[in-house]
C-alpha atoms as a PDB file:
ATOM      1  CA  MET A   1       8.979   1.164  63.057  1.00  0.00           C
ATOM      2  CA  SER A   2       5.794   0.721  64.943  1.00  0.00           C
ATOM      3  CA  ARG A   3       2.642   1.842  64.292  1.00  0.00           C
ATOM      4  CA  ARG A   4       2.998   4.978  66.980  1.00  0.00           C
ATOM      5  CA  ASP A   5       6.806   5.851  65.426  1.00  0.00           C
ATOM      6  CA  THR A   6       6.093   9.161  63.031  1.00  0.00           C
ATOM      7  CA  LEU A   7       8.388  10.357  60.609  1.00  0.00           C
ATOM      8  CA  PRO A   8       9.461  14.514  60.687  1.00  0.00           C
ATOM      9  CA  LEU A   9       8.511  15.860  57.575  1.00  0.00           C
ATOM     10  CA  ASP A  10      11.606  16.790  56.309  1.00  0.00           C
ATOM     11  CA  GLU A  11      12.106  13.258  55.699  1.00  0.00           C
ATOM     12  CA  PHE A  12       9.441  13.215  52.897  1.00  0.00           C
ATOM     13  CA  ALA A  13      10.451  14.116  49.392  1.00  0.00           C
ATOM     14  CA  LEU A  14       8.510  16.734  48.254  1.00  0.00           C
ATOM     15  CA  ALA A  15       7.515  18.012  45.070  1.00  0.00           C
ATOM     16  CA  ALA A  16       7.796  21.673  44.067  1.00  0.00           C
ATOM     17  CA  ARG A  17       4.575  23.412  43.330  1.00  0.00           C
ATOM     18  CA  LYS A  18       3.913  24.237  39.644  1.00  0.00           C
ATOM     19  CA  GLN A  19       4.076  27.722  38.529  1.00  0.00           C
ATOM     20  CA  ALA A  20       1.244  29.271  36.180  1.00  0.00           C
ATOM     21  CA  VAL A  21       1.570  28.380  32.784  1.00  0.00           C
ATOM     22  CA  ARG A  22       1.563  32.265  30.986  1.00  0.00           C
ATOM     23  CA  GLY A  23      -1.058  30.339  28.587  1.00  0.00           C
ATOM     24  CA  ASP A  24      -3.650  29.940  31.259  1.00  0.00           C
ATOM     25  CA  GLU A  25      -4.041  33.709  31.996  1.00  0.00           C
ATOM     26  CA  ASP A  26      -4.193  34.848  28.516  1.00  0.00           C
ATOM     27  CA  ARG A  27      -7.071  32.763  28.473  1.00  0.00           C
ATOM     28  CA  GLY A  28      -8.649  34.142  31.326  1.00  0.00           C
ATOM     29  CA  SER A  29      -7.836  37.211  29.955  1.00  0.00           C
ATOM     30  CA  ASP A  30      -9.374  36.341  26.799  1.00  0.00           C
ATOM     31  CA  LEU A  31     -13.008  35.623  28.194  1.00  0.00           C
ATOM     32  CA  VAL A  32     -12.979  39.007  29.647  1.00  0.00           C
ATOM     33  CA  SER A  33     -11.930  40.999  27.075  1.00  0.00           C
ATOM     34  CA  THR A  34     -14.979  42.499  25.152  1.00  0.00           C
ATOM     35  CA  ASP A  35     -12.963  43.774  22.533  1.00  0.00           C
ATOM     36  CA  PRO A  36     -13.697  41.993  19.434  1.00  0.00           C
ATOM     37  CA  ASN A  37     -10.769  42.864  17.434  1.00  0.00           C
ATOM     38  CA  SER A  38      -8.821  40.669  20.010  1.00  0.00           C
ATOM     39  CA  ASP A  39     -10.402  37.421  19.278  1.00  0.00           C
ATOM     40  CA  ARG A  40      -9.136  37.815  15.409  1.00  0.00           C
ATOM     41  CA  THR A  41      -5.851  38.524  16.182  1.00  0.00           C
ATOM     42  CA  SER A  42      -5.055  35.140  18.366  1.00  0.00           C
ATOM     43  CA  PRO A  43      -5.527  31.822  17.200  1.00  0.00           C
ATOM     44  CA  ASP A  44      -9.018  30.359  18.800  1.00  0.00           C
ATOM     45  CA  ARG A  45      -8.412  27.959  21.101  1.00  0.00           C
ATOM     46  CA  SER A  46     -11.824  26.326  21.155  1.00  0.00           C
ATOM     47  CA  ASP A  47     -11.271  25.725  17.181  1.00  0.00           C
ATOM     48  CA  LEU A  48      -8.012  24.221  17.180  1.00  0.00           C
ATOM     49  CA  ARG A  49      -9.392  21.389  20.096  1.00  0.00           C
ATOM     50  CA  GLN A  50     -12.671  20.752  17.965  1.00  0.00           C
ATOM     51  CA  GLU A  51     -10.291  19.941  15.247  1.00  0.00           C
ATOM     52  CA  ALA A  52      -7.966  17.862  17.332  1.00  0.00           C
ATOM     53  CA  ARG A  53     -11.405  15.730  18.227  1.00  0.00           C
ATOM     54  CA  LYS A  54     -12.348  15.276  14.886  1.00  0.00           C
ATOM     55  CA  ALA A  55      -9.055  14.483  13.835  1.00  0.00           C
ATOM     56  CA  LEU A  56      -9.096  11.751  16.516  1.00  0.00           C
ATOM     57  CA  ARG A  57     -12.440  10.560  16.085  1.00  0.00           C
ATOM     58  CA  ARG A  58     -11.601   9.694  12.450  1.00  0.00           C
ATOM     59  CA  MET A  59      -8.789   7.837  13.165  1.00  0.00           C
ATOM     60  CA  LYS A  60     -10.450   5.842  15.583  1.00  0.00           C
ATOM     61  CA  ARG A  61     -13.321   5.176  12.696  1.00  0.00           C
ATOM     62  CA  GLU A  62     -10.652   4.070  10.444  1.00  0.00           C
ATOM     63  CA  ARG A  63      -8.709   1.863  13.125  1.00  0.00           C
ATOM     64  CA  VAL A  64     -12.302   0.332  13.871  1.00  0.00           C
ATOM     65  CA  LYS A  65     -12.904   0.010   9.524  1.00  0.00           C
ATOM     66  CA  GLY A  66      -9.671  -2.525   9.604  1.00  0.00           C
ATOM     67  CA  GLN A  67     -11.107  -4.975  12.885  1.00  0.00           C
ATOM     68  CA  SER A  68     -12.187  -8.186  11.847  1.00  0.00           C
ATOM     69  CA  CYS A  69     -15.470  -9.707  13.512  1.00  0.00           C
ATOM     70  CA  PHE A  70     -14.633 -12.463  16.544  1.00  0.00           C
ATOM     71  CA  VAL A  71     -15.545 -15.941  16.214  1.00  0.00           C
ATOM     72  CA  ASN A  72     -16.195 -18.389  18.813  1.00  0.00           C
ATOM     73  CA  VAL A  73     -14.780 -21.726  18.301  1.00  0.00           C
ATOM     74  CA  ASN A  74     -14.783 -24.652  20.986  1.00  0.00           C
ATOM     75  CA  LEU A  75     -12.198 -26.618  20.857  1.00  0.00           C
ATOM     76  CA  ASP A  76     -11.422 -29.749  23.078  1.00  0.00           C
ATOM     77  CA  ARG A  77      -8.675 -29.926  25.797  1.00  0.00           C
ATOM     78  CA  PRO A  78      -5.715 -31.597  23.721  1.00  0.00           C
ATOM     79  CA  THR A  79      -6.604 -29.042  20.310  1.00  0.00           C
ATOM     80  CA  LYS A  80      -6.021 -25.953  22.032  1.00  0.00           C
ATOM     81  CA  ARG A  81      -3.247 -27.447  24.156  1.00  0.00           C
ATOM     82  CA  ARG A  82      -1.983 -28.493  20.730  1.00  0.00           C
ATOM     83  CA  LEU A  83      -2.513 -24.579  19.365  1.00  0.00           C
ATOM     84  CA  LYS A  84      -1.261 -23.038  22.414  1.00  0.00           C
ATOM     85  CA  LEU A  85       2.009 -24.995  21.753  1.00  0.00           C
ATOM     86  CA  ALA A  86       2.587 -23.969  17.790  1.00  0.00           C
ATOM     87  CA  ALA A  87       1.798 -20.795  18.855  1.00  0.00           C
ATOM     88  CA  PHE A  88       4.548 -20.557  21.088  1.00  0.00           C
ATOM     89  CA  HIS A  89       7.341 -22.575  18.911  1.00  0.00           C
ATOM     90  CA  ASP A  90       6.588 -20.228  15.899  1.00  0.00           C
ATOM     91  CA  ASP A  91       6.313 -17.139  18.063  1.00  0.00           C
ATOM     92  CA  THR A  92       3.348 -16.103  16.491  1.00  0.00           C
ATOM     93  CA  THR A  93      -0.317 -16.113  18.316  1.00  0.00           C
ATOM     94  CA  MET A  94      -2.872 -18.480  18.511  1.00  0.00           C
ATOM     95  CA  GLN A  95      -5.407 -15.999  16.413  1.00  0.00           C
ATOM     96  CA  ALA A  96      -2.831 -15.860  13.219  1.00  0.00           C
ATOM     97  CA  ILE A  97      -2.959 -19.780  13.441  1.00  0.00           C
ATOM     98  CA  VAL A  98      -6.864 -20.436  13.188  1.00  0.00           C
ATOM     99  CA  GLU A  99      -6.504 -17.548  10.993  1.00  0.00           C
ATOM    100  CA  ALA A 100      -4.200 -19.049   8.450  1.00  0.00           C
ATOM    101  CA  ALA A 101      -6.105 -22.218   8.839  1.00  0.00           C
ATOM    102  CA  ILE A 102      -9.866 -20.958   7.809  1.00  0.00           C
ATOM    103  CA  VAL A 103      -8.204 -18.908   5.142  1.00  0.00           C
ATOM    104  CA  LYS A 104      -6.612 -21.953   3.552  1.00  0.00           C
ATOM    105  CA  TYR A 105      -9.673 -24.177   4.292  1.00  0.00           C
ATOM    106  CA  LEU A 106     -11.943 -21.532   2.406  1.00  0.00           C
ATOM    107  CA  ASP A 107      -9.309 -21.279  -0.132  1.00  0.00           C
ATOM    108  CA  GLU A 108      -9.268 -24.658  -1.302  1.00  0.00           C
ATOM    109  CA  LEU A 109     -13.519 -25.226  -1.105  1.00  0.00           C
ATOM    110  CA  GLY A 110     -13.050 -22.287  -3.766  1.00  0.00           C
ATOM    111  CA  LEU A 111     -15.135 -19.119  -1.429  1.00  0.00           C
END
């Protein structure tokens, strides 16, 4: 096809439009409503959202607590190549090998 050739609109697949969700309509009517009893009968969505945000924040904090610190190690090329090959053969990561070596070294020193 060249630039000047055009495709008719019929050849394109078009997705159906989304229908309005009933909850969206309810939310708009709650905002306009001035009846104080209407808020008490339906669960407040902003409270649910707030609780969800807090739970997500707590989960992220717990995950961050378990993270370890990074250590930059300068390796020469042959050592790095051997480390990469060992990680490949053991089907593990280079980080796991280096971490195990550091732990073993520190245990031998008694620290």
